[in-house]
C-alpha cells in the first residue's frame, strides 16, 4: 500500500505559476504510474496529466497541454506538476493518484487508480 500527500497549492494571480508535489510513502513510487486530477465542487473529477512508471511517457488533458508539465523523481518518491500560465478556470482541488497496473490507453480514467492523496487547493484569481 502507498500513501500519497500533495503540497504546493495556494492562491496565485492569472498568468502565474505553481508547482505541486506529491510525496509517496509505504512503497517505492517506481511501482506506480502516477496521475494528477482536479475537481471543482459540484463538478466531476477531471483528469489533468499522467506519467508512466519510469517517466518516459506523459499524457495531458487538452485543457492544460503546453502549460502544465508532469514529472517524477523516483529516487525521491515524488511526482511534480509544474503549472504555468495559470487561468481562473484552473481553480480546483488537485489530487495525485497512483496505479500499479494499467493499460496506458486508459491512463486518464480515474476509476482505474488504486490510491489517492487528500488533495491540495489551487486558486487562480483574475
Foldseek 3Di string as FASTA:
>chain_A
DKAKAKDFADEEAAQAKIKMKIAIDDDQQLLWKKFKWWDDPPDDIFTAKIAHSVRPDIDGDPVQPPFWDWGDDRVRRMIMIIGGRDDQVVWTWMKMFIARDDDPVCVGPPVRTDDIYPTDTHGYHD
